[in-house]
Every structure is written in structure tokens, then in C-alpha cells.
Amino acid sequence: MSTYTSPLTSKVYQIVETSHTRNAWDSEGNLTPYVQSVFEIYYEGRKVQFALSQDRIADSVAHLENPGPDVSSRYD
């Protein structure tokens, strides 16, 4: 587990990387499994958001803290 501190609110989020097996069609038409990492974002023990890559954790937290007029957090 790692942490991420929001530059906007100074809240410290816990980051847990998990792996999921997914399937996709390859170029020959075969269904092929692959492993996808998901970075689950927790605040005070509650899952509040996720990111599909480590580089997008900051964007996911920013979206959680300031979702804008069109959407809200994925876990509201």
C-alpha cells in the first residue's frame, strides 16, 4: 500500500494496487486473457475512487475532490 497526498486539500489517500484478469480478442480472433492493474483509492478506510494506471491517480483524486457540474465521484 502507498499513499497520495492531495495538493488541493492535503488529504492523505491510501492506494492499493490490485490485479484483475480480463479478456480481449487478439488479431487472430482468439479470446486471450490479460492482467490489468487497478489502483483503488481509499480515504479513512472507505473506497472512494480508482485509477487504471499509476499515472492517473492524481487525476482520479482531483476528479473526486472537484467533479465539476456534469459528473460526481464513481463511489458517491
PDB file of N, CA and C in Angstrom:
ATOM      1  N   MET A   1       0.855  -1.166   0.000  1.00  0.00           N
ATOM      2  CA  MET A   1       0.000   0.000   0.000  1.00  0.00           C
ATOM      3  C   MET A   1       0.905   1.233   0.000  1.00  0.00           C
ATOM      4  N   SER A   2       0.480   2.234  -0.755  1.00  0.00           N
ATOM      5  CA  SER A   2       1.173   3.511  -0.776  1.00  0.00           C
ATOM      6  C   SER A   2       0.159   4.606  -0.451  1.00  0.00           C
ATOM      7  N   THR A   3       0.627   5.823  -0.408  1.00  0.00           N
ATOM      8  CA  THR A   3      -0.267   6.944  -0.125  1.00  0.00           C
ATOM      9  C   THR A   3      -0.099   8.016  -1.192  1.00  0.00           C
ATOM     10  N   TYR A   4      -1.114   8.858  -1.302  1.00  0.00           N
ATOM     11  CA  TYR A   4      -1.083  10.016  -2.188  1.00  0.00           C
ATOM     12  C   TYR A   4      -1.674  11.176  -1.404  1.00  0.00           C
ATOM     13  N   THR A   5      -0.967  12.291  -1.343  1.00  0.00           N
ATOM     14  CA  THR A   5      -1.445  13.483  -0.657  1.00  0.00           C
ATOM     15  C   THR A   5      -1.951  14.481  -1.689  1.00  0.00           C
ATOM     16  N   SER A   6      -3.198  14.877  -1.548  1.00  0.00           N
ATOM     17  CA  SER A   6      -3.815  15.811  -2.479  1.00  0.00           C
ATOM     18  C   SER A   6      -3.202  17.198  -2.323  1.00  0.00           C
ATOM     19  N   PRO A   7      -2.768  17.804  -3.423  1.00  0.00           N
ATOM     20  CA  PRO A   7      -2.259  19.174  -3.339  1.00  0.00           C
ATOM     21  C   PRO A   7      -3.378  20.196  -3.101  1.00  0.00           C
ATOM     22  N   LEU A   8      -4.624  19.806  -3.394  1.00  0.00           N
ATOM     23  CA  LEU A   8      -5.759  20.712  -3.231  1.00  0.00           C
ATOM     24  C   LEU A   8      -6.250  20.770  -1.786  1.00  0.00           C
ATOM     25  N   THR A   9      -6.365  19.599  -1.146  1.00  0.00           N
ATOM     26  CA  THR A   9      -6.966  19.544   0.192  1.00  0.00           C
ATOM     27  C   THR A   9      -6.018  19.057   1.281  1.00  0.00           C
ATOM     28  N   SER A  10      -4.844  18.580   0.898  1.00  0.00           N
ATOM     29  CA  SER A  10      -3.861  17.984   1.820  1.00  0.00           C
ATOM     30  C   SER A  10      -4.367  16.689   2.458  1.00  0.00           C
ATOM     31  N   LYS A  11      -5.446  16.118   1.958  1.00  0.00           N
ATOM     32  CA  LYS A  11      -5.917  14.823   2.441  1.00  0.00           C
ATOM     33  C   LYS A  11      -4.951  13.746   1.976  1.00  0.00           C
ATOM     34  N   VAL A  12      -4.739  12.753   2.840  1.00  0.00           N
ATOM     35  CA  VAL A  12      -3.864  11.639   2.505  1.00  0.00           C
ATOM     36  C   VAL A  12      -4.731  10.433   2.158  1.00  0.00           C
ATOM     37  N   TYR A  13      -4.583   9.963   0.934  1.00  0.00           N
ATOM     38  CA  TYR A  13      -5.335   8.814   0.438  1.00  0.00           C
ATOM     39  C   TYR A  13      -4.441   7.581   0.436  1.00  0.00           C
ATOM     40  N   GLN A  14      -5.035   6.427   0.715  1.00  0.00           N
ATOM     41  CA  GLN A  14      -4.309   5.171   0.650  1.00  0.00           C
ATOM     42  C   GLN A  14      -4.561   4.560  -0.728  1.00  0.00           C
ATOM     43  N   ILE A  15      -3.495   4.047  -1.333  1.00  0.00           N
ATOM     44  CA  ILE A  15      -3.577   3.469  -2.667  1.00  0.00           C
ATOM     45  C   ILE A  15      -3.250   1.984  -2.572  1.00  0.00           C
ATOM     46  N   VAL A  16      -4.155   1.155  -3.073  1.00  0.00           N
ATOM     47  CA  VAL A  16      -3.956  -0.294  -3.077  1.00  0.00           C
ATOM     48  C   VAL A  16      -4.030  -0.772  -4.521  1.00  0.00           C
ATOM     49  N   GLU A  17      -2.949  -1.381  -4.983  1.00  0.00           N
ATOM     50  CA  GLU A  17      -2.941  -1.921  -6.342  1.00  0.00           C
ATOM     51  C   GLU A  17      -3.481  -3.339  -6.321  1.00  0.00           C
ATOM     52  N   THR A  18      -4.449  -3.603  -7.177  1.00  0.00           N
ATOM     53  CA  THR A  18      -4.988  -4.950  -7.333  1.00  0.00           C
ATOM     54  C   THR A  18      -4.868  -5.346  -8.800  1.00  0.00           C
ATOM     55  N   SER A  19      -4.918  -6.623  -9.052  1.00  0.00           N
ATOM     56  CA  SER A  19      -4.845  -7.126 -10.420  1.00  0.00           C
ATOM     57  C   SER A  19      -6.104  -7.905 -10.740  1.00  0.00           C
ATOM     58  N   HIS A  20      -6.579  -7.733 -11.955  1.00  0.00           N
ATOM     59  CA  HIS A  20      -7.772  -8.427 -12.428  1.00  0.00           C
ATOM     60  C   HIS A  20      -7.455  -9.067 -13.774  1.00  0.00           C
ATOM     61  N   THR A  21      -7.937 -10.263 -13.970  1.00  0.00           N
ATOM     62  CA  THR A  21      -7.770 -10.907 -15.268  1.00  0.00           C
ATOM     63  C   THR A  21      -8.941 -10.518 -16.152  1.00  0.00           C
ATOM     64  N   ARG A  22      -8.605  -9.989 -17.305  1.00  0.00           N
ATOM     65  CA  ARG A  22      -9.616  -9.578 -18.278  1.00  0.00           C
ATOM     66  C   ARG A  22      -9.404 -10.379 -19.552  1.00  0.00           C
ATOM     67  N   ASN A  23     -10.313 -10.276 -20.490  1.00  0.00           N
ATOM     68  CA  ASN A  23     -10.189 -10.956 -21.785  1.00  0.00           C
ATOM     69  C   ASN A  23     -10.308  -9.942 -22.905  1.00  0.00           C
ATOM     70  N   ALA A  24      -9.576 -10.193 -23.965  1.00  0.00           N
ATOM     71  CA  ALA A  24      -9.655  -9.344 -25.159  1.00  0.00           C
ATOM     72  C   ALA A  24      -9.423 -10.228 -26.383  1.00  0.00           C
ATOM     73  N   TRP A  25      -9.940  -9.777 -27.503  1.00  0.00           N
ATOM     74  CA  TRP A  25      -9.741 -10.511 -28.752  1.00  0.00           C
ATOM     75  C   TRP A  25      -8.388 -10.116 -29.330  1.00  0.00           C
ATOM     76  N   ASP A  26      -7.599 -11.124 -29.727  1.00  0.00           N
ATOM     77  CA  ASP A  26      -6.321 -10.816 -30.357  1.00  0.00           C
ATOM     78  C   ASP A  26      -6.515 -10.651 -31.865  1.00  0.00           C
ATOM     79  N   SER A  27      -5.424 -10.397 -32.580  1.00  0.00           N
ATOM     80  CA  SER A  27      -5.506 -10.116 -34.016  1.00  0.00           C
ATOM     81  C   SER A  27      -5.951 -11.327 -34.837  1.00  0.00           C
ATOM     82  N   GLU A  28      -5.847 -12.520 -34.245  1.00  0.00           N
ATOM     83  CA  GLU A  28      -6.279 -13.736 -34.958  1.00  0.00           C
ATOM     84  C   GLU A  28      -7.693 -14.163 -34.581  1.00  0.00           C
ATOM     85  N   GLY A  29      -8.375 -13.349 -33.769  1.00  0.00           N
ATOM     86  CA  GLY A  29      -9.747 -13.651 -33.401  1.00  0.00           C
ATOM     87  C   GLY A  29      -9.902 -14.561 -32.204  1.00  0.00           C
ATOM     88  N   ASN A  30      -8.826 -14.770 -31.461  1.00  0.00           N
ATOM     89  CA  ASN A  30      -8.882 -15.619 -30.277  1.00  0.00           C
ATOM     90  C   ASN A  30      -9.102 -14.770 -29.022  1.00  0.00           C
ATOM     91  N   LEU A  31      -9.919 -15.273 -28.131  1.00  0.00           N
ATOM     92  CA  LEU A  31     -10.140 -14.597 -26.861  1.00  0.00           C
ATOM     93  C   LEU A  31      -8.949 -14.908 -25.953  1.00  0.00           C
ATOM     94  N   THR A  32      -8.230 -13.864 -25.549  1.00  0.00           N
ATOM     95  CA  THR A  32      -6.981 -14.033 -24.816  1.00  0.00           C
ATOM     96  C   THR A  32      -7.051 -13.308 -23.488  1.00  0.00           C
ATOM     97  N   PRO A  33      -6.724 -13.981 -22.391  1.00  0.00           N
ATOM     98  CA  PRO A  33      -6.720 -13.307 -21.093  1.00  0.00           C
ATOM     99  C   PRO A  33      -5.496 -12.405 -20.925  1.00  0.00           C
ATOM    100  N   TYR A  34      -5.670 -11.337 -20.179  1.00  0.00           N
ATOM    101  CA  TYR A  34      -4.548 -10.470 -19.820  1.00  0.00           C
ATOM    102  C   TYR A  34      -4.817  -9.929 -18.422  1.00  0.00           C
ATOM    103  N   VAL A  35      -3.782  -9.495 -17.765  1.00  0.00           N
ATOM    104  CA  VAL A  35      -3.888  -8.979 -16.402  1.00  0.00           C
ATOM    105  C   VAL A  35      -3.878  -7.456 -16.448  1.00  0.00           C
ATOM    106  N   GLN A  36      -4.861  -6.843 -15.776  1.00  0.00           N
ATOM    107  CA  GLN A  36      -4.947  -5.383 -15.705  1.00  0.00           C
ATOM    108  C   GLN A  36      -4.823  -4.959 -14.251  1.00  0.00           C
ATOM    109  N   SER A  37      -3.943  -4.013 -13.988  1.00  0.00           N
ATOM    110  CA  SER A  37      -3.817  -3.448 -12.645  1.00  0.00           C
ATOM    111  C   SER A  37      -4.846  -2.353 -12.465  1.00  0.00           C
ATOM    112  N   VAL A  38      -5.389  -2.287 -11.261  1.00  0.00           N
ATOM    113  CA  VAL A  38      -6.308  -1.217 -10.878  1.00  0.00           C
ATOM    114  C   VAL A  38      -5.785  -0.646  -9.565  1.00  0.00           C
ATOM    115  N   PHE A  39      -5.737   0.669  -9.485  1.00  0.00           N
ATOM    116  CA  PHE A  39      -5.268   1.335  -8.278  1.00  0.00           C
ATOM    117  C   PHE A  39      -6.501   1.854  -7.537  1.00  0.00           C
ATOM    118  N   GLU A  40      -6.855   1.148  -6.461  1.00  0.00           N
ATOM    119  CA  GLU A  40      -8.029   1.512  -5.677  1.00  0.00           C
ATOM    120  C   GLU A  40      -7.619   2.586  -4.674  1.00  0.00           C
ATOM    121  N   ILE A  41      -8.435   3.634  -4.569  1.00  0.00           N
ATOM    122  CA  ILE A  41      -8.119   4.798  -3.745  1.00  0.00           C
ATOM    123  C   ILE A  41      -9.077   4.828  -2.560  1.00  0.00           C
ATOM    124  N   TYR A  42      -8.502   4.841  -1.364  1.00  0.00           N
ATOM    125  CA  TYR A  42      -9.267   4.820  -0.115  1.00  0.00           C
ATOM    126  C   TYR A  42      -9.016   6.101   0.672  1.00  0.00           C
ATOM    127  N   TYR A  43     -10.053   6.543   1.390  1.00  0.00           N
ATOM    128  CA  TYR A  43      -9.904   7.648   2.331  1.00  0.00           C
ATOM    129  C   TYR A  43     -10.604   7.235   3.619  1.00  0.00           C
ATOM    130  N   GLU A  44      -9.862   7.266   4.698  1.00  0.00           N
ATOM    131  CA  GLU A  44     -10.367   6.856   6.015  1.00  0.00           C
ATOM    132  C   GLU A  44     -11.008   5.464   5.957  1.00  0.00           C
ATOM    133  N   GLY A  45     -10.368   4.549   5.242  1.00  0.00           N
ATOM    134  CA  GLY A  45     -10.826   3.170   5.171  1.00  0.00           C
ATOM    135  C   GLY A  45     -11.953   2.887   4.201  1.00  0.00           C
ATOM    136  N   ARG A  46     -12.420   3.886   3.493  1.00  0.00           N
ATOM    137  CA  ARG A  46     -13.546   3.734   2.562  1.00  0.00           C
ATOM    138  C   ARG A  46     -13.065   3.920   1.128  1.00  0.00           C
ATOM    139  N   LYS A  47     -13.407   2.981   0.245  1.00  0.00           N
ATOM    140  CA  LYS A  47     -13.025   3.142  -1.158  1.00  0.00           C
ATOM    141  C   LYS A  47     -13.800   4.303  -1.752  1.00  0.00           C
ATOM    142  N   VAL A  48     -13.073   5.263  -2.319  1.00  0.00           N
ATOM    143  CA  VAL A  48     -13.721   6.470  -2.829  1.00  0.00           C
ATOM    144  C   VAL A  48     -13.504   6.695  -4.323  1.00  0.00           C
ATOM    145  N   GLN A  49     -12.537   6.005  -4.911  1.00  0.00           N
ATOM    146  CA  GLN A  49     -12.221   6.252  -6.321  1.00  0.00           C
ATOM    147  C   GLN A  49     -11.271   5.161  -6.796  1.00  0.00           C
ATOM    148  N   PHE A  50     -10.968   5.142  -8.073  1.00  0.00           N
ATOM    149  CA  PHE A  50      -9.963   4.220  -8.608  1.00  0.00           C
ATOM    150  C   PHE A  50      -9.283   4.859  -9.799  1.00  0.00           C
ATOM    151  N   ALA A  51      -8.156   4.298 -10.172  1.00  0.00           N
ATOM    152  CA  ALA A  51      -7.424   4.728 -11.362  1.00  0.00           C
ATOM    153  C   ALA A  51      -6.959   3.478 -12.089  1.00  0.00           C
ATOM    154  N   LEU A  52      -6.909   3.535 -13.394  1.00  0.00           N
ATOM    155  CA  LEU A  52      -6.493   2.379 -14.176  1.00  0.00           C
ATOM    156  C   LEU A  52      -4.994   2.363 -14.451  1.00  0.00           C
ATOM    157  N   SER A  53      -4.289   3.407 -14.052  1.00  0.00           N
ATOM    158  CA  SER A  53      -2.827   3.414 -14.129  1.00  0.00           C
ATOM    159  C   SER A  53      -2.300   4.293 -13.003  1.00  0.00           C
ATOM    160  N   GLN A  54      -1.069   4.042 -12.621  1.00  0.00           N
ATOM    161  CA  GLN A  54      -0.473   4.804 -11.534  1.00  0.00           C
ATOM    162  C   GLN A  54      -0.356   6.278 -11.904  1.00  0.00           C
ATOM    163  N   ASP A  55      -0.127   6.555 -13.173  1.00  0.00           N
ATOM    164  CA  ASP A  55      -0.007   7.941 -13.637  1.00  0.00           C
ATOM    165  C   ASP A  55      -1.308   8.727 -13.532  1.00  0.00           C
ATOM    166  N   ARG A  56      -2.438   8.038 -13.406  1.00  0.00           N
ATOM    167  CA  ARG A  56      -3.746   8.707 -13.374  1.00  0.00           C
ATOM    168  C   ARG A  56      -4.319   8.862 -11.961  1.00  0.00           C
ATOM    169  N   ILE A  57      -3.566   8.452 -10.925  1.00  0.00           N
ATOM    170  CA  ILE A  57      -4.059   8.580  -9.556  1.00  0.00           C
ATOM    171  C   ILE A  57      -4.364  10.040  -9.221  1.00  0.00           C
ATOM    172  N   ALA A  58      -3.467  10.941  -9.564  1.00  0.00           N
ATOM    173  CA  ALA A  58      -3.683  12.373  -9.274  1.00  0.00           C
ATOM    174  C   ALA A  58      -4.944  12.884  -9.960  1.00  0.00           C
ATOM    175  N   ASP A  59      -5.174  12.475 -11.212  1.00  0.00           N
ATOM    176  CA  ASP A  59      -6.378  12.902 -11.936  1.00  0.00           C
ATOM    177  C   ASP A  59      -7.643  12.345 -11.286  1.00  0.00           C
ATOM    178  N   SER A  60      -7.587  11.102 -10.834  1.00  0.00           N
ATOM    179  CA  SER A  60      -8.757  10.486 -10.190  1.00  0.00           C
ATOM    180  C   SER A  60      -9.098  11.174  -8.877  1.00  0.00           C
ATOM    181  N   VAL A  61      -8.070  11.520  -8.107  1.00  0.00           N
ATOM    182  CA  VAL A  61      -8.310  12.231  -6.845  1.00  0.00           C
ATOM    183  C   VAL A  61      -8.836  13.633  -7.124  1.00  0.00           C
ATOM    184  N   ALA A  62      -8.281  14.308  -8.116  1.00  0.00           N
ATOM    185  CA  ALA A  62      -8.764  15.649  -8.470  1.00  0.00           C
ATOM    186  C   ALA A  62     -10.228  15.595  -8.892  1.00  0.00           C
ATOM    187  N   HIS A  63     -10.597  14.559  -9.639  1.00  0.00           N
ATOM    188  CA  HIS A  63     -11.994  14.396 -10.057  1.00  0.00           C
ATOM    189  C   HIS A  63     -12.905  14.136  -8.859  1.00  0.00           C
ATOM    190  N   LEU A  64     -12.413  13.351  -7.912  1.00  0.00           N
ATOM    191  CA  LEU A  64     -13.177  13.082  -6.690  1.00  0.00           C
ATOM    192  C   LEU A  64     -13.425  14.366  -5.905  1.00  0.00           C
ATOM    193  N   GLU A  65     -12.399  15.168  -5.754  1.00  0.00           N
ATOM    194  CA  GLU A  65     -12.495  16.373  -4.923  1.00  0.00           C
ATOM    195  C   GLU A  65     -13.206  17.531  -5.617  1.00  0.00           C
ATOM    196  N   ASN A  66     -13.179  17.542  -6.931  1.00  0.00           N
ATOM    197  CA  ASN A  66     -13.802  18.632  -7.682  1.00  0.00           C
ATOM    198  C   ASN A  66     -14.376  18.055  -8.978  1.00  0.00           C
ATOM    199  N   PRO A  67     -15.529  17.359  -8.890  1.00  0.00           N
ATOM    200  CA  PRO A  67     -16.037  16.616 -10.045  1.00  0.00           C
ATOM    201  C   PRO A  67     -16.591  17.473 -11.179  1.00  0.00           C
ATOM    202  N   GLY A  68     -16.895  18.707 -10.936  1.00  0.00           N
ATOM    203  CA  GLY A  68     -17.476  19.520 -11.990  1.00  0.00           C
ATOM    204  C   GLY A  68     -18.980  19.350 -12.064  1.00  0.00           C
ATOM    205  N   PRO A  69     -19.649  20.098 -12.939  1.00  0.00           N
ATOM    206  CA  PRO A  69     -21.108  20.103 -12.982  1.00  0.00           C
ATOM    207  C   PRO A  69     -21.722  18.859 -13.627  1.00  0.00           C
ATOM    208  N   ASP A  70     -20.953  18.094 -14.395  1.00  0.00           N
ATOM    209  CA  ASP A  70     -21.558  17.020 -15.183  1.00  0.00           C
ATOM    210  C   ASP A  70     -21.523  15.644 -14.513  1.00  0.00           C
ATOM    211  N   VAL A  71     -20.593  15.399 -13.622  1.00  0.00           N
ATOM    212  CA  VAL A  71     -20.458  14.069 -13.016  1.00  0.00           C
ATOM    213  C   VAL A  71     -20.072  14.187 -11.548  1.00  0.00           C
ATOM    214  N   SER A  72     -20.188  13.077 -10.825  1.00  0.00           N
ATOM    215  CA  SER A  72     -19.753  13.045  -9.430  1.00  0.00           C
ATOM    216  C   SER A  72     -18.780  11.892  -9.272  1.00  0.00           C
ATOM    217  N   SER A  73     -18.343  11.646  -8.084  1.00  0.00           N
ATOM    218  CA  SER A  73     -17.424  10.551  -7.808  1.00  0.00           C
ATOM    219  C   SER A  73     -18.056   9.234  -8.230  1.00  0.00           C
ATOM    220  N   ARG A  74     -17.246   8.296  -8.636  1.00  0.00           N
ATOM    221  CA  ARG A  74     -17.747   6.978  -9.044  1.00  0.00           C
ATOM    222  C   ARG A  74     -18.291   6.206  -7.866  1.00  0.00           C
ATOM    223  N   TYR A  75     -17.984   6.612  -6.642  1.00  0.00           N
ATOM    224  CA  TYR A  75     -18.421   5.878  -5.470  1.00  0.00           C
ATOM    225  C   TYR A  75     -19.332   6.700  -4.570  1.00  0.00           C
ATOM    226  N   ASP A  76     -19.914   7.774  -5.079  1.00  0.00           N
ATOM    227  CA  ASP A  76     -20.862   8.568  -4.265  1.00  0.00           C
ATOM    228  C   ASP A  76     -22.158   7.828  -4.104  1.00  0.00           C
TER     229      ASP A  76
END
